[in-house]
Each structure stands twice: as structure tokens, then as C-alpha cells.
C-alpha atoms as a PDB file:
ATOM      1  CA  MET A   1       5.445 -22.962   6.057  1.00  0.00           C
ATOM      2  CA  GLU A   2       5.207 -26.132   4.026  1.00  0.00           C
ATOM      3  CA  GLN A   3       2.047 -25.010   2.207  1.00  0.00           C
ATOM      4  CA  PHE A   4       3.698 -21.740   1.133  1.00  0.00           C
ATOM      5  CA  HIS A   5       6.339 -20.978  -1.468  1.00  0.00           C
ATOM      6  CA  MET A   6       8.651 -17.985  -1.449  1.00  0.00           C
ATOM      7  CA  ILE A   7       8.117 -15.358  -4.130  1.00  0.00           C
ATOM      8  CA  SER A   8      10.093 -12.322  -5.172  1.00  0.00           C
ATOM      9  CA  PRO A   9       8.580  -8.900  -4.477  1.00  0.00           C
ATOM     10  CA  ASP A  10       8.599  -8.454  -8.280  1.00  0.00           C
ATOM     11  CA  ASP A  11       6.289 -11.474  -8.566  1.00  0.00           C
ATOM     12  CA  TYR A  12       3.679 -10.153  -6.122  1.00  0.00           C
ATOM     13  CA  GLN A  13       0.776  -9.432  -8.462  1.00  0.00           C
ATOM     14  CA  LYS A  14      -2.068  -8.212  -6.256  1.00  0.00           C
ATOM     15  CA  SER A  15      -2.886  -4.532  -6.222  1.00  0.00           C
ATOM     16  CA  PRO A  16      -1.914  -2.977  -2.868  1.00  0.00           C
ATOM     17  CA  PHE A  17      -5.041  -0.818  -3.176  1.00  0.00           C
ATOM     18  CA  GLN A  18      -7.115  -4.012  -3.151  1.00  0.00           C
ATOM     19  CA  ALA A  19      -4.992  -6.067  -0.740  1.00  0.00           C
ATOM     20  CA  ILE A  20      -4.662  -3.367   1.931  1.00  0.00           C
ATOM     21  CA  GLY A  21      -7.466  -0.893   1.330  1.00  0.00           C
ATOM     22  CA  LYS A  22     -10.299  -3.264   0.485  1.00  0.00           C
ATOM     23  CA  ASP A  23      -9.338  -6.780   1.655  1.00  0.00           C
ATOM     24  CA  TRP A  24      -7.331  -5.584   4.689  1.00  0.00           C
ATOM     25  CA  MET A  25      -4.279  -7.130   6.308  1.00  0.00           C
ATOM     26  CA  LEU A  26      -3.202  -8.305   9.725  1.00  0.00           C
ATOM     27  CA  VAL A  27      -0.152  -6.548  11.155  1.00  0.00           C
ATOM     28  CA  THR A  28       1.388  -8.973  13.642  1.00  0.00           C
ATOM     29  CA  ALA A  29       4.426  -8.655  15.895  1.00  0.00           C
ATOM     30  CA  GLY A  30       5.861 -10.233  19.011  1.00  0.00           C
ATOM     31  CA  ASN A  31       7.623 -13.460  19.796  1.00  0.00           C
ATOM     32  CA  GLU A  32       6.872 -17.031  20.818  1.00  0.00           C
ATOM     33  CA  GLU A  33       6.078 -15.904  24.381  1.00  0.00           C
ATOM     34  CA  LYS A  34       3.594 -13.181  23.453  1.00  0.00           C
ATOM     35  CA  ALA A  35       2.351 -11.757  20.180  1.00  0.00           C
ATOM     36  CA  ASN A  36      -0.418  -9.444  19.083  1.00  0.00           C
ATOM     37  CA  THR A  37      -2.151  -8.592  15.850  1.00  0.00           C
ATOM     38  CA  MET A  38      -4.384  -5.869  14.468  1.00  0.00           C
ATOM     39  CA  THR A  39      -6.330  -5.377  11.280  1.00  0.00           C
ATOM     40  CA  ALA A  40      -5.152  -2.563   9.045  1.00  0.00           C
ATOM     41  CA  SER A  41      -6.629  -0.985   5.947  1.00  0.00           C
ATOM     42  CA  TRP A  42      -4.162   1.891   5.635  1.00  0.00           C
ATOM     43  CA  GLY A  43      -0.606   1.497   4.397  1.00  0.00           C
ATOM     44  CA  GLY A  44       1.285   0.799   1.235  1.00  0.00           C
ATOM     45  CA  LEU A  45       3.951  -1.138  -0.606  1.00  0.00           C
ATOM     46  CA  GLY A  46       6.795   0.295  -2.631  1.00  0.00           C
ATOM     47  CA  ILE A  47      10.513   0.942  -2.901  1.00  0.00           C
ATOM     48  CA  MET A  48      12.560   3.031  -0.469  1.00  0.00           C
ATOM     49  CA  TRP A  49      16.328   3.180  -0.127  1.00  0.00           C
ATOM     50  CA  GLY A  50      16.603   0.636  -2.938  1.00  0.00           C
ATOM     51  CA  LYS A  51      14.617  -1.958  -0.955  1.00  0.00           C
ATOM     52  CA  PRO A  52      11.100  -3.371  -1.229  1.00  0.00           C
ATOM     53  CA  VAL A  53       9.188  -1.920   1.711  1.00  0.00           C
ATOM     54  CA  ALA A  54       5.827  -1.736   3.402  1.00  0.00           C
ATOM     55  CA  PHE A  55       4.529   1.534   4.805  1.00  0.00           C
ATOM     56  CA  ILE A  56       2.509   0.892   7.963  1.00  0.00           C
ATOM     57  CA  VAL A  57       0.745   3.417  10.174  1.00  0.00           C
ATOM     58  CA  ILE A  58      -0.326   2.646  13.725  1.00  0.00           C
ATOM     59  CA  ARG A  59      -2.027   4.857  16.282  1.00  0.00           C
ATOM     60  CA  PRO A  60      -0.390   5.165  19.721  1.00  0.00           C
ATOM     61  CA  GLN A  61      -3.246   3.430  21.566  1.00  0.00           C
ATOM     62  CA  ARG A  62      -2.980   0.243  19.504  1.00  0.00           C
ATOM     63  CA  TYR A  63      -1.514  -2.586  21.562  1.00  0.00           C
ATOM     64  CA  THR A  64       0.329  -4.025  18.541  1.00  0.00           C
ATOM     65  CA  LYS A  65       2.489  -0.873  18.429  1.00  0.00           C
ATOM     66  CA  LYS A  66       4.260  -1.951  21.621  1.00  0.00           C
ATOM     67  CA  PHE A  67       5.186  -5.288  20.029  1.00  0.00           C
ATOM     68  CA  ILE A  68       6.553  -3.684  16.857  1.00  0.00           C
ATOM     69  CA  ASP A  69       8.568  -1.190  18.895  1.00  0.00           C
ATOM     70  CA  ASN A  70      10.012  -3.998  21.062  1.00  0.00           C
ATOM     71  CA  GLU A  71      10.814  -6.507  18.304  1.00  0.00           C
ATOM     72  CA  THR A  72      11.357  -4.317  15.179  1.00  0.00           C
ATOM     73  CA  THR A  73      10.106  -7.223  13.051  1.00  0.00           C
ATOM     74  CA  LEU A  74       6.575  -7.943  11.898  1.00  0.00           C
ATOM     75  CA  SER A  75       4.429  -9.795   9.439  1.00  0.00           C
ATOM     76  CA  LEU A  76       1.664  -8.665   7.144  1.00  0.00           C
ATOM     77  CA  SER A  77      -0.853 -11.448   6.606  1.00  0.00           C
ATOM     78  CA  PHE A  78      -3.340 -11.280   3.752  1.00  0.00           C
ATOM     79  CA  LEU A  79      -6.315 -13.629   4.120  1.00  0.00           C
ATOM     80  CA  ASP A  80      -9.158 -14.328   1.724  1.00  0.00           C
ATOM     81  CA  ASN A  81     -12.613 -12.863   2.209  1.00  0.00           C
ATOM     82  CA  SER A  82     -13.906 -15.928   4.075  1.00  0.00           C
ATOM     83  CA  TYR A  83     -11.999 -14.588   7.122  1.00  0.00           C
ATOM     84  CA  ARG A  84     -13.688 -11.165   7.071  1.00  0.00           C
ATOM     85  CA  LYS A  85     -15.458 -11.781  10.400  1.00  0.00           C
ATOM     86  CA  ALA A  86     -12.128 -12.583  12.081  1.00  0.00           C
ATOM     87  CA  LEU A  87     -10.524  -9.508  10.514  1.00  0.00           C
ATOM     88  CA  ASN A  88     -13.361  -7.329  11.823  1.00  0.00           C
ATOM     89  CA  TYR A  89     -12.964  -8.808  15.303  1.00  0.00           C
ATOM     90  CA  LEU A  90      -9.177  -8.420  15.355  1.00  0.00           C
ATOM     91  CA  GLY A  91      -9.553  -4.808  14.272  1.00  0.00           C
ATOM     92  CA  THR A  92     -11.962  -3.846  17.043  1.00  0.00           C
ATOM     93  CA  VAL A  93     -10.860  -5.877  20.082  1.00  0.00           C
ATOM     94  CA  SER A  94      -7.588  -5.066  21.831  1.00  0.00           C
ATOM     95  CA  GLY A  95      -5.221  -7.786  22.983  1.00  0.00           C
ATOM     96  CA  ARG A  96      -4.549  -5.532  25.967  1.00  0.00           C
ATOM     97  CA  ASP A  97      -8.143  -6.115  27.104  1.00  0.00           C
ATOM     98  CA  GLU A  98      -8.661  -9.642  25.815  1.00  0.00           C
ATOM     99  CA  ALA A  99      -5.574 -11.822  26.118  1.00  0.00           C
ATOM    100  CA  ASP A 100      -6.972 -14.662  24.004  1.00  0.00           C
ATOM    101  CA  LYS A 101      -8.366 -12.558  21.145  1.00  0.00           C
ATOM    102  CA  ILE A 102      -6.392 -14.490  18.510  1.00  0.00           C
ATOM    103  CA  GLU A 103      -7.613 -17.843  19.848  1.00  0.00           C
ATOM    104  CA  LYS A 104     -11.209 -16.637  19.731  1.00  0.00           C
ATOM    105  CA  THR A 105     -10.973 -16.152  15.961  1.00  0.00           C
ATOM    106  CA  GLY A 106      -9.865 -19.732  15.352  1.00  0.00           C
ATOM    107  CA  LEU A 107      -6.866 -18.487  13.368  1.00  0.00           C
ATOM    108  CA  MET A 108      -3.606 -20.379  13.832  1.00  0.00           C
ATOM    109  CA  LEU A 109      -0.609 -18.308  14.881  1.00  0.00           C
ATOM    110  CA  ALA A 110       2.723 -19.725  13.704  1.00  0.00           C
ATOM    111  CA  PHE A 111       6.306 -18.435  13.621  1.00  0.00           C
ATOM    112  CA  GLU A 112       8.928 -18.139  10.916  1.00  0.00           C
ATOM    113  CA  ASN A 113      12.357 -16.999  12.138  1.00  0.00           C
ATOM    114  CA  HIS A 114      10.639 -15.968  15.393  1.00  0.00           C
ATOM    115  CA  ILE A 115       8.181 -13.680  13.570  1.00  0.00           C
ATOM    116  CA  PRO A 116       4.471 -14.462  14.093  1.00  0.00           C
ATOM    117  CA  TYR A 117       2.113 -14.930  11.146  1.00  0.00           C
ATOM    118  CA  PHE A 118      -1.147 -16.733  10.353  1.00  0.00           C
ATOM    119  CA  THR A 119      -1.187 -20.094   8.570  1.00  0.00           C
ATOM    120  CA  GLU A 120      -4.550 -19.295   6.963  1.00  0.00           C
ATOM    121  CA  SER A 121      -2.988 -16.447   4.978  1.00  0.00           C
ATOM    122  CA  GLU A 122      -2.939 -16.485   1.207  1.00  0.00           C
ATOM    123  CA  THR A 123       0.200 -14.317   1.311  1.00  0.00           C
ATOM    124  CA  VAL A 124       2.523 -13.364   4.160  1.00  0.00           C
ATOM    125  CA  MET A 125       5.127 -10.620   4.040  1.00  0.00           C
ATOM    126  CA  PHE A 126       7.828 -10.558   6.676  1.00  0.00           C
ATOM    127  CA  GLY A 127       9.479  -7.276   7.497  1.00  0.00           C
ATOM    128  CA  LYS A 128      12.161  -5.529   9.503  1.00  0.00           C
ATOM    129  CA  VAL A 129      11.473  -1.969  10.595  1.00  0.00           C
ATOM    130  CA  LEU A 130      14.007   0.437   9.105  1.00  0.00           C
ATOM    131  CA  TYR A 131      12.410   3.734  10.085  1.00  0.00           C
ATOM    132  CA  GLN A 132       9.689   5.146  12.286  1.00  0.00           C
ATOM    133  CA  GLN A 133       8.370   8.644  12.720  1.00  0.00           C
ATOM    134  CA  GLU A 134       5.498  10.163  14.641  1.00  0.00           C
ATOM    135  CA  MET A 135       3.049  12.120  12.517  1.00  0.00           C
ATOM    136  CA  THR A 136       2.588  15.695  13.716  1.00  0.00           C
ATOM    137  CA  PRO A 137      -0.098  18.315  13.063  1.00  0.00           C
ATOM    138  CA  ASP A 138       2.389  20.786  11.602  1.00  0.00           C
ATOM    139  CA  SER A 139       3.409  18.235   8.945  1.00  0.00           C
ATOM    140  CA  PHE A 140      -0.042  18.312   7.314  1.00  0.00           C
ATOM    141  CA  LEU A 141      -0.145  20.508   4.242  1.00  0.00           C
ATOM    142  CA  ALA A 142      -3.792  19.494   3.748  1.00  0.00           C
ATOM    143  CA  LYS A 143      -5.112  20.715   7.109  1.00  0.00           C
ATOM    144  CA  GLU A 144      -8.537  19.181   6.428  1.00  0.00           C
ATOM    145  CA  LEU A 145      -6.977  15.701   6.794  1.00  0.00           C
ATOM    146  CA  ASP A 146      -5.774  16.558  10.279  1.00  0.00           C
ATOM    147  CA  GLU A 147      -9.222  17.843  11.216  1.00  0.00           C
ATOM    148  CA  LYS A 148     -11.059  14.866   9.704  1.00  0.00           C
ATOM    149  CA  TRP A 149      -8.873  11.940  10.799  1.00  0.00           C
ATOM    150  CA  TYR A 150      -7.312  13.198  14.047  1.00  0.00           C
ATOM    151  CA  PRO A 151      -9.989  14.928  16.145  1.00  0.00           C
ATOM    152  CA  ASN A 152      -8.449  13.283  19.245  1.00  0.00           C
ATOM    153  CA  LYS A 153      -4.894  14.201  18.187  1.00  0.00           C
ATOM    154  CA  ASP A 154      -3.892  10.519  18.335  1.00  0.00           C
ATOM    155  CA  TYR A 155      -1.468  10.716  15.425  1.00  0.00           C
ATOM    156  CA  HIS A 156      -0.174   7.577  13.766  1.00  0.00           C
ATOM    157  CA  THR A 157       3.421   6.457  13.839  1.00  0.00           C
ATOM    158  CA  LEU A 158       4.671   5.786  10.319  1.00  0.00           C
ATOM    159  CA  TYR A 159       6.798   2.663  10.023  1.00  0.00           C
ATOM    160  CA  ILE A 160       8.815   1.786   6.954  1.00  0.00           C
ATOM    161  CA  ALA A 161       9.688  -1.897   7.024  1.00  0.00           C
ATOM    162  CA  GLU A 162      11.925  -3.707   4.578  1.00  0.00           C
ATOM    163  CA  ILE A 163      10.108  -6.702   3.151  1.00  0.00           C
ATOM    164  CA  THR A 164      12.600  -9.476   3.883  1.00  0.00           C
ATOM    165  CA  ALA A 165      10.494 -12.348   2.490  1.00  0.00           C
ATOM    166  CA  ILE A 166       7.147 -12.971   0.823  1.00  0.00           C
ATOM    167  CA  TYR A 167       5.419 -16.346   0.979  1.00  0.00           C
ATOM    168  CA  SER A 168       2.329 -17.255  -1.001  1.00  0.00           C
ATOM    169  CA  LYS A 169       0.116 -20.317  -1.312  1.00  0.00           C
END
């Protein structure tokens, strides 16, 4: 991580609405033997239990979910817009079906404290999962959200991960 420097969560200046919702992020988990990543445009950053956290939601069919559940650590990689094609690809192709999907993008997977991340990132957040909960239909107060976003009843799992380190270029 020689091209990165550590920053405090208080010094992270980018809007999470822009970084996650518009620019997207890569949620990556696994270990040196096998890792997987997926593009995400839903989630958030904030404070929970007195800690800086990321809120991540992953559907049950996403292959990356298995890696997060097994390792309980992850990274969130934020890349600049020149990598949009790779982000699109990583969001639509499953590592379950295509074992070398990361290699095909040309992105370089690296590890910090055994957590995978991408060296091309502008910012990387490393996290440890503190909490997970399956979303359920009876939890929706706005029933139209359930109808619109879950016609197949493939409800997300909500993960709350403590942000243990942030590195920026």
C-alpha cells in the first residue's frame, strides 16, 4: 500500500451519496487463496455503536456473500470513473460462473492484513462485520418498496461493518 496513506474517518471528504450511489464501489472479501468482488451502488457510511461503520446490503444469490460470511472482513474499493467498464462487468458477471472475472478486468487484487482490495482504488476502506440481519417482508413499513425491489423475494442481508482503516491516494 505504498501509494496510499491512512486517513481518519473524520477526514474522508467525499459524499457517500456520490461515492456509493453514483460512482459505485467494489465490495471484496476472501483470502489469499480465493477472493471475490461485486459492484455495489446501495449502502451507506455512518456511526453505529460509537464506531465508524459501513452499511452494506447483499442479495443471497451474490457469490461475494459467501466470502463475507466465511471471513467476516471485507474491503470497499472506490475507483475513479475511468474504471466504469470494469465496475459494470464486475457487477454483472458472477465469480461462481467465471473464476477469472477479476483478471479479465485488468484490475490488480492485493491484500492488506489478509483482506483483498484493488490497487487502482482512489480510496479503500477495510472493515470487520459486526452485525448481519436478513431483510424480511414484514419489516417493510413502505410496502411499495417490497413490491418494487423484491418481486423474486430475494431479500438482501444487511451487514454493518466497522471501518477499521481507510487508505487514500
